[in-house]
Amino acid sequence: IMPSLVGSEMCIRDSIICALVTILILGGVISAVSLLFNHPLRIEKPTFIYIDRDDTADSVYVKLQRDLNATHLTGFKMLARLKKYDQQIHSGAYRFDASINTLTLFRRLSSGHQTPVKVVIPSVRTLSRLARSLDRQLMPDSTEFARLVGDSAFCASLGFSLETMPALFIPNTYEAYWNTDAEAFIRRMKKEHERFWTCLLYTSPSPRD
């Protein structure tokens, strides 16, 4: 066999080996990426996770493991470090379906793309009881609501007094973002109050002559 032919065959063999090694490496990288970022979470039904305003990256990891049964957080933590998630944690309520994967989970949390929650305004006799009810449904605590509804100047800015303030809250079920602050929520209730009475006025039958 001529030397040039042997050398050519060796080059072809080396090229094939290099190509196979490259394919194997790429396949391994793709598999690793798929496992890290496309791995579905192990939740059986749609589940909410609540991120508070004082949460840190570590406390978020704990909530993911506890509430979403996210046992493999390696991919999430890699993205968190890369995107500096600890510097841009968005509070809120986030609803995730059983099909959610690590990449989508991170995008939702890091962008603050939260889900509205149902807020029930019950028929209560006192504003303190209402404040406790809202405490259980929204991020602000009862003291924040109680302070505002007990502030005569704030009540006056809405056209109410301390005595008439309970009438502001129309019993119903509303949608709101869980991290809405207390003042913004009460002002929202002012708009709902006006909408309710305007609708009632225009839908009520006219009095007969």
C-alpha atoms as a PDB file:
ATOM      1  CA  ILE A   1       0.000   0.000   0.000  1.00  0.00           C
ATOM      2  CA  MET A   2       1.376   3.384  -0.998  1.00  0.00           C
ATOM      3  CA  PRO A   3       2.145   5.804   1.872  1.00  0.00           C
ATOM      4  CA  SER A   4      -0.126   8.504   0.465  1.00  0.00           C
ATOM      5  CA  LEU A   5      -3.115   6.110   0.409  1.00  0.00           C
ATOM      6  CA  VAL A   6      -2.483   4.995   3.991  1.00  0.00           C
ATOM      7  CA  GLY A   7      -2.224   8.580   5.151  1.00  0.00           C
ATOM      8  CA  SER A   8      -5.485   9.428   3.389  1.00  0.00           C
ATOM      9  CA  GLU A   9      -7.293   6.528   5.052  1.00  0.00           C
ATOM     10  CA  MET A  10      -5.975   7.597   8.459  1.00  0.00           C
ATOM     11  CA  CYS A  11      -7.197  11.151   7.916  1.00  0.00           C
ATOM     12  CA  ILE A  12     -10.659   9.881   6.979  1.00  0.00           C
ATOM     13  CA  ARG A  13     -10.704   7.601  10.026  1.00  0.00           C
ATOM     14  CA  ASP A  14      -9.626  10.445  12.327  1.00  0.00           C
ATOM     15  CA  SER A  15     -12.277  12.720  10.837  1.00  0.00           C
ATOM     16  CA  ILE A  16     -14.986  10.117  11.435  1.00  0.00           C
ATOM     17  CA  ILE A  17     -13.827   9.613  15.022  1.00  0.00           C
ATOM     18  CA  CYS A  18     -13.814  13.375  15.640  1.00  0.00           C
ATOM     19  CA  ALA A  19     -17.301  13.686  14.151  1.00  0.00           C
ATOM     20  CA  LEU A  20     -18.621  10.859  16.331  1.00  0.00           C
ATOM     21  CA  VAL A  21     -17.035  12.352  19.460  1.00  0.00           C
ATOM     22  CA  THR A  22     -18.540  15.764  18.604  1.00  0.00           C
ATOM     23  CA  ILE A  23     -21.984  14.205  18.116  1.00  0.00           C
ATOM     24  CA  LEU A  24     -21.703  12.394  21.447  1.00  0.00           C
ATOM     25  CA  ILE A  25     -20.631  15.580  23.237  1.00  0.00           C
ATOM     26  CA  LEU A  26     -23.428  17.603  21.652  1.00  0.00           C
ATOM     27  CA  GLY A  27     -25.919  14.894  22.530  1.00  0.00           C
ATOM     28  CA  GLY A  28     -24.724  14.932  26.118  1.00  0.00           C
ATOM     29  CA  VAL A  29     -24.969  18.734  26.299  1.00  0.00           C
ATOM     30  CA  ILE A  30     -28.475  18.701  24.836  1.00  0.00           C
ATOM     31  CA  SER A  31     -29.547  15.984  27.254  1.00  0.00           C
ATOM     32  CA  ALA A  32     -28.079  17.890  30.201  1.00  0.00           C
ATOM     33  CA  VAL A  33     -29.777  21.140  29.158  1.00  0.00           C
ATOM     34  CA  SER A  34     -33.068  19.316  28.672  1.00  0.00           C
ATOM     35  CA  LEU A  35     -32.765  17.713  32.097  1.00  0.00           C
ATOM     36  CA  LEU A  36     -31.859  20.999  33.816  1.00  0.00           C
ATOM     37  CA  PHE A  37     -34.322  23.385  32.160  1.00  0.00           C
ATOM     38  CA  ASN A  38     -37.117  21.337  30.589  1.00  0.00           C
ATOM     39  CA  HIS A  39     -37.593  18.904  33.455  1.00  0.00           C
ATOM     40  CA  PRO A  40     -41.269  19.059  34.523  1.00  0.00           C
ATOM     41  CA  LEU A  41     -42.128  19.660  38.161  1.00  0.00           C
ATOM     42  CA  ARG A  42     -43.864  16.980  40.178  1.00  0.00           C
ATOM     43  CA  ILE A  43     -47.139  18.681  41.043  1.00  0.00           C
ATOM     44  CA  GLU A  44     -50.434  16.897  40.587  1.00  0.00           C
ATOM     45  CA  LYS A  45     -52.702  19.945  40.210  1.00  0.00           C
ATOM     46  CA  PRO A  46     -52.454  23.707  39.610  1.00  0.00           C
ATOM     47  CA  THR A  47     -50.695  25.226  42.606  1.00  0.00           C
ATOM     48  CA  PHE A  48     -50.018  28.756  43.869  1.00  0.00           C
ATOM     49  CA  ILE A  49     -46.704  29.916  45.252  1.00  0.00           C
ATOM     50  CA  TYR A  50     -46.654  33.183  47.204  1.00  0.00           C
ATOM     51  CA  ILE A  51     -43.544  35.374  47.107  1.00  0.00           C
ATOM     52  CA  ASP A  52     -43.462  37.954  49.904  1.00  0.00           C
ATOM     53  CA  ARG A  53     -41.789  41.364  49.725  1.00  0.00           C
ATOM     54  CA  ASP A  54     -39.121  40.245  52.216  1.00  0.00           C
ATOM     55  CA  ASP A  55     -38.305  36.961  50.458  1.00  0.00           C
ATOM     56  CA  THR A  56     -34.742  36.198  49.422  1.00  0.00           C
ATOM     57  CA  ALA A  57     -33.498  33.834  46.735  1.00  0.00           C
ATOM     58  CA  ASP A  58     -32.910  31.173  49.386  1.00  0.00           C
ATOM     59  CA  SER A  59     -36.422  31.496  50.841  1.00  0.00           C
ATOM     60  CA  VAL A  60     -37.857  31.280  47.317  1.00  0.00           C
ATOM     61  CA  TYR A  61     -35.948  28.014  46.815  1.00  0.00           C
ATOM     62  CA  VAL A  62     -37.512  26.673  50.019  1.00  0.00           C
ATOM     63  CA  LYS A  63     -41.010  27.596  48.817  1.00  0.00           C
ATOM     64  CA  LEU A  64     -40.399  25.963  45.446  1.00  0.00           C
ATOM     65  CA  GLN A  65     -39.357  22.736  47.139  1.00  0.00           C
ATOM     66  CA  ARG A  66     -42.181  22.831  49.672  1.00  0.00           C
ATOM     67  CA  ASP A  67     -45.124  24.038  47.540  1.00  0.00           C
ATOM     68  CA  LEU A  68     -44.205  22.837  44.045  1.00  0.00           C
ATOM     69  CA  ASN A  69     -42.308  19.704  45.054  1.00  0.00           C
ATOM     70  CA  ALA A  70     -39.354  21.023  43.036  1.00  0.00           C
ATOM     71  CA  THR A  71     -36.710  18.522  44.137  1.00  0.00           C
ATOM     72  CA  HIS A  72     -34.246  19.373  41.326  1.00  0.00           C
ATOM     73  CA  LEU A  73     -33.405  23.096  41.450  1.00  0.00           C
ATOM     74  CA  THR A  74     -29.956  22.960  39.846  1.00  0.00           C
ATOM     75  CA  GLY A  75     -31.179  24.514  36.589  1.00  0.00           C
ATOM     76  CA  PHE A  76     -33.234  27.166  38.384  1.00  0.00           C
ATOM     77  CA  LYS A  77     -30.284  28.130  40.589  1.00  0.00           C
ATOM     78  CA  MET A  78     -27.988  28.347  37.552  1.00  0.00           C
ATOM     79  CA  LEU A  79     -30.409  30.740  35.862  1.00  0.00           C
ATOM     80  CA  ALA A  80     -30.856  32.674  39.114  1.00  0.00           C
ATOM     81  CA  ARG A  81     -27.105  33.258  39.406  1.00  0.00           C
ATOM     82  CA  LEU A  82     -26.752  34.110  35.717  1.00  0.00           C
ATOM     83  CA  LYS A  83     -29.669  36.560  35.724  1.00  0.00           C
ATOM     84  CA  LYS A  84     -28.995  37.891  39.267  1.00  0.00           C
ATOM     85  CA  TYR A  85     -32.446  36.881  40.453  1.00  0.00           C
ATOM     86  CA  ASP A  86     -31.595  37.800  44.045  1.00  0.00           C
ATOM     87  CA  GLN A  87     -31.522  41.462  42.951  1.00  0.00           C
ATOM     88  CA  GLN A  88     -34.913  41.431  41.217  1.00  0.00           C
ATOM     89  CA  ILE A  89     -37.274  39.276  43.274  1.00  0.00           C
ATOM     90  CA  HIS A  90     -40.892  40.172  42.457  1.00  0.00           C
ATOM     91  CA  SER A  91     -43.509  39.593  45.130  1.00  0.00           C
ATOM     92  CA  GLY A  92     -46.868  38.163  44.135  1.00  0.00           C
ATOM     93  CA  ALA A  93     -48.974  35.050  43.746  1.00  0.00           C
ATOM     94  CA  TYR A  94     -47.962  32.737  40.915  1.00  0.00           C
ATOM     95  CA  ARG A  95     -50.137  29.883  39.721  1.00  0.00           C
ATOM     96  CA  PHE A  96     -48.394  26.952  38.051  1.00  0.00           C
ATOM     97  CA  ASP A  97     -49.888  23.982  36.228  1.00  0.00           C
ATOM     98  CA  ALA A  98     -48.631  20.420  36.441  1.00  0.00           C
ATOM     99  CA  SER A  99     -46.895  20.755  33.057  1.00  0.00           C
ATOM    100  CA  ILE A 100     -44.617  23.636  34.121  1.00  0.00           C
ATOM    101  CA  ASN A 101     -40.888  23.184  33.573  1.00  0.00           C
ATOM    102  CA  THR A 102     -37.856  24.839  35.150  1.00  0.00           C
ATOM    103  CA  LEU A 103     -37.261  27.399  32.391  1.00  0.00           C
ATOM    104  CA  THR A 104     -40.871  28.612  32.301  1.00  0.00           C
ATOM    105  CA  LEU A 105     -40.953  28.680  36.091  1.00  0.00           C
ATOM    106  CA  PHE A 106     -37.898  30.930  36.209  1.00  0.00           C
ATOM    107  CA  ARG A 107     -39.191  33.242  33.486  1.00  0.00           C
ATOM    108  CA  ARG A 108     -42.502  33.719  35.302  1.00  0.00           C
ATOM    109  CA  LEU A 109     -40.928  34.470  38.659  1.00  0.00           C
ATOM    110  CA  SER A 110     -38.097  36.670  37.370  1.00  0.00           C
ATOM    111  CA  SER A 111     -40.453  38.778  35.228  1.00  0.00           C
ATOM    112  CA  GLY A 112     -43.091  39.167  37.948  1.00  0.00           C
ATOM    113  CA  HIS A 113     -45.781  37.660  35.714  1.00  0.00           C
ATOM    114  CA  GLN A 114     -48.153  36.840  38.546  1.00  0.00           C
ATOM    115  CA  THR A 115     -51.709  35.525  38.622  1.00  0.00           C
ATOM    116  CA  PRO A 116     -54.723  37.461  40.000  1.00  0.00           C
ATOM    117  CA  VAL A 117     -56.358  35.923  43.063  1.00  0.00           C
ATOM    118  CA  LYS A 118     -59.972  35.861  44.199  1.00  0.00           C
ATOM    119  CA  VAL A 119     -60.682  38.277  47.057  1.00  0.00           C
ATOM    120  CA  VAL A 120     -63.948  37.849  48.927  1.00  0.00           C
ATOM    121  CA  ILE A 121     -65.377  40.888  50.704  1.00  0.00           C
ATOM    122  CA  PRO A 122     -67.678  39.373  53.318  1.00  0.00           C
ATOM    123  CA  SER A 123     -70.642  40.999  54.954  1.00  0.00           C
ATOM    124  CA  VAL A 124     -69.100  42.026  58.294  1.00  0.00           C
ATOM    125  CA  ARG A 125     -70.188  44.369  61.043  1.00  0.00           C
ATOM    126  CA  THR A 126     -66.816  45.898  61.858  1.00  0.00           C
ATOM    127  CA  LEU A 127     -63.825  47.071  59.824  1.00  0.00           C
ATOM    128  CA  SER A 128     -61.458  45.235  62.149  1.00  0.00           C
ATOM    129  CA  ARG A 129     -63.043  41.928  61.107  1.00  0.00           C
ATOM    130  CA  LEU A 130     -62.782  42.977  57.469  1.00  0.00           C
ATOM    131  CA  ALA A 131     -59.099  43.818  57.972  1.00  0.00           C
ATOM    132  CA  ARG A 132     -58.492  40.337  59.405  1.00  0.00           C
ATOM    133  CA  SER A 133     -60.319  38.778  56.465  1.00  0.00           C
ATOM    134  CA  LEU A 134     -58.209  40.711  53.943  1.00  0.00           C
ATOM    135  CA  ASP A 135     -55.064  39.764  55.872  1.00  0.00           C
ATOM    136  CA  ARG A 136     -55.781  36.127  55.012  1.00  0.00           C
ATOM    137  CA  GLN A 137     -56.330  36.857  51.322  1.00  0.00           C
ATOM    138  CA  LEU A 138     -53.739  39.499  50.374  1.00  0.00           C
ATOM    139  CA  MET A 139     -50.085  40.221  51.160  1.00  0.00           C
ATOM    140  CA  PRO A 140     -50.618  43.353  53.358  1.00  0.00           C
ATOM    141  CA  ASP A 141     -51.357  42.455  56.976  1.00  0.00           C
ATOM    142  CA  SER A 142     -54.417  43.475  58.975  1.00  0.00           C
ATOM    143  CA  THR A 143     -52.643  46.376  60.690  1.00  0.00           C
ATOM    144  CA  GLU A 144     -52.055  48.094  57.339  1.00  0.00           C
ATOM    145  CA  PHE A 145     -55.749  47.925  56.448  1.00  0.00           C
ATOM    146  CA  ALA A 146     -56.855  48.882  59.975  1.00  0.00           C
ATOM    147  CA  ARG A 147     -54.570  51.921  60.026  1.00  0.00           C
ATOM    148  CA  LEU A 148     -56.029  53.297  56.812  1.00  0.00           C
ATOM    149  CA  VAL A 149     -59.727  52.698  57.546  1.00  0.00           C
ATOM    150  CA  GLY A 150     -59.151  54.237  60.971  1.00  0.00           C
ATOM    151  CA  ASP A 151     -57.559  57.369  59.524  1.00  0.00           C
ATOM    152  CA  SER A 152     -60.218  60.103  59.320  1.00  0.00           C
ATOM    153  CA  ALA A 153     -58.216  62.111  56.754  1.00  0.00           C
ATOM    154  CA  PHE A 154     -57.834  59.107  54.473  1.00  0.00           C
ATOM    155  CA  CYS A 155     -61.532  58.243  54.804  1.00  0.00           C
ATOM    156  CA  ALA A 156     -62.445  61.860  53.985  1.00  0.00           C
ATOM    157  CA  SER A 157     -60.311  61.715  50.823  1.00  0.00           C
ATOM    158  CA  LEU A 158     -62.638  58.946  49.654  1.00  0.00           C
ATOM    159  CA  GLY A 159     -65.775  60.844  50.596  1.00  0.00           C
ATOM    160  CA  PHE A 160     -66.470  58.842  53.766  1.00  0.00           C
ATOM    161  CA  SER A 161     -66.204  59.309  57.508  1.00  0.00           C
ATOM    162  CA  LEU A 162     -65.044  56.832  60.128  1.00  0.00           C
ATOM    163  CA  GLU A 163     -68.684  55.990  60.768  1.00  0.00           C
ATOM    164  CA  THR A 164     -69.700  55.508  57.138  1.00  0.00           C
ATOM    165  CA  MET A 165     -66.490  53.787  55.969  1.00  0.00           C
ATOM    166  CA  PRO A 166     -67.941  50.249  56.271  1.00  0.00           C
ATOM    167  CA  ALA A 167     -70.434  51.134  53.519  1.00  0.00           C
ATOM    168  CA  LEU A 168     -67.533  51.565  51.087  1.00  0.00           C
ATOM    169  CA  PHE A 169     -66.994  47.808  50.892  1.00  0.00           C
ATOM    170  CA  ILE A 170     -69.642  46.081  48.759  1.00  0.00           C
ATOM    171  CA  PRO A 171     -69.783  42.351  49.636  1.00  0.00           C
ATOM    172  CA  ASN A 172     -68.726  40.426  46.542  1.00  0.00           C
ATOM    173  CA  THR A 173     -65.878  38.414  45.044  1.00  0.00           C
ATOM    174  CA  TYR A 174     -63.220  40.429  43.233  1.00  0.00           C
ATOM    175  CA  GLU A 175     -59.983  39.723  41.406  1.00  0.00           C
ATOM    176  CA  ALA A 176     -56.814  41.460  42.516  1.00  0.00           C
ATOM    177  CA  TYR A 177     -53.095  40.914  42.555  1.00  0.00           C
ATOM    178  CA  TRP A 178     -52.036  39.363  45.843  1.00  0.00           C
ATOM    179  CA  ASN A 179     -49.265  41.920  46.425  1.00  0.00           C
ATOM    180  CA  THR A 180     -51.550  44.946  45.939  1.00  0.00           C
ATOM    181  CA  ASP A 181     -50.791  47.342  48.800  1.00  0.00           C
ATOM    182  CA  ALA A 182     -53.528  48.215  51.296  1.00  0.00           C
ATOM    183  CA  GLU A 183     -54.153  51.749  50.057  1.00  0.00           C
ATOM    184  CA  ALA A 184     -54.364  50.714  46.412  1.00  0.00           C
ATOM    185  CA  PHE A 185     -56.836  47.967  47.288  1.00  0.00           C
ATOM    186  CA  ILE A 186     -59.079  50.304  49.288  1.00  0.00           C
ATOM    187  CA  ARG A 187     -59.056  52.835  46.452  1.00  0.00           C
ATOM    188  CA  ARG A 188     -59.974  49.979  44.128  1.00  0.00           C
ATOM    189  CA  MET A 189     -62.952  49.262  46.413  1.00  0.00           C
ATOM    190  CA  LYS A 190     -63.931  52.924  46.057  1.00  0.00           C
ATOM    191  CA  LYS A 191     -64.154  52.447  42.277  1.00  0.00           C
ATOM    192  CA  GLU A 192     -66.122  49.215  42.747  1.00  0.00           C
ATOM    193  CA  HIS A 193     -68.478  51.065  45.098  1.00  0.00           C
ATOM    194  CA  GLU A 194     -69.096  53.784  42.513  1.00  0.00           C
ATOM    195  CA  ARG A 195     -69.546  51.208  39.744  1.00  0.00           C
ATOM    196  CA  PHE A 196     -72.059  49.277  41.836  1.00  0.00           C
ATOM    197  CA  TRP A 197     -74.252  52.276  42.597  1.00  0.00           C
ATOM    198  CA  THR A 198     -74.003  53.658  39.068  1.00  0.00           C
ATOM    199  CA  CYS A 199     -75.093  50.302  37.660  1.00  0.00           C
ATOM    200  CA  LEU A 200     -77.909  50.081  40.199  1.00  0.00           C
ATOM    201  CA  LEU A 201     -79.084  53.582  39.331  1.00  0.00           C
ATOM    202  CA  TYR A 202     -79.272  52.900  35.601  1.00  0.00           C
ATOM    203  CA  THR A 203     -80.821  49.450  35.907  1.00  0.00           C
ATOM    204  CA  SER A 204     -83.485  50.357  38.474  1.00  0.00           C
ATOM    205  CA  PRO A 205     -87.040  50.670  37.027  1.00  0.00           C
ATOM    206  CA  SER A 206     -88.343  54.215  36.635  1.00  0.00           C
ATOM    207  CA  PRO A 207     -91.002  55.249  39.147  1.00  0.00           C
ATOM    208  CA  ARG A 208     -94.525  55.325  37.788  1.00  0.00           C
ATOM    209  CA  ASP A 209     -96.307  58.646  37.372  1.00  0.00           C
END
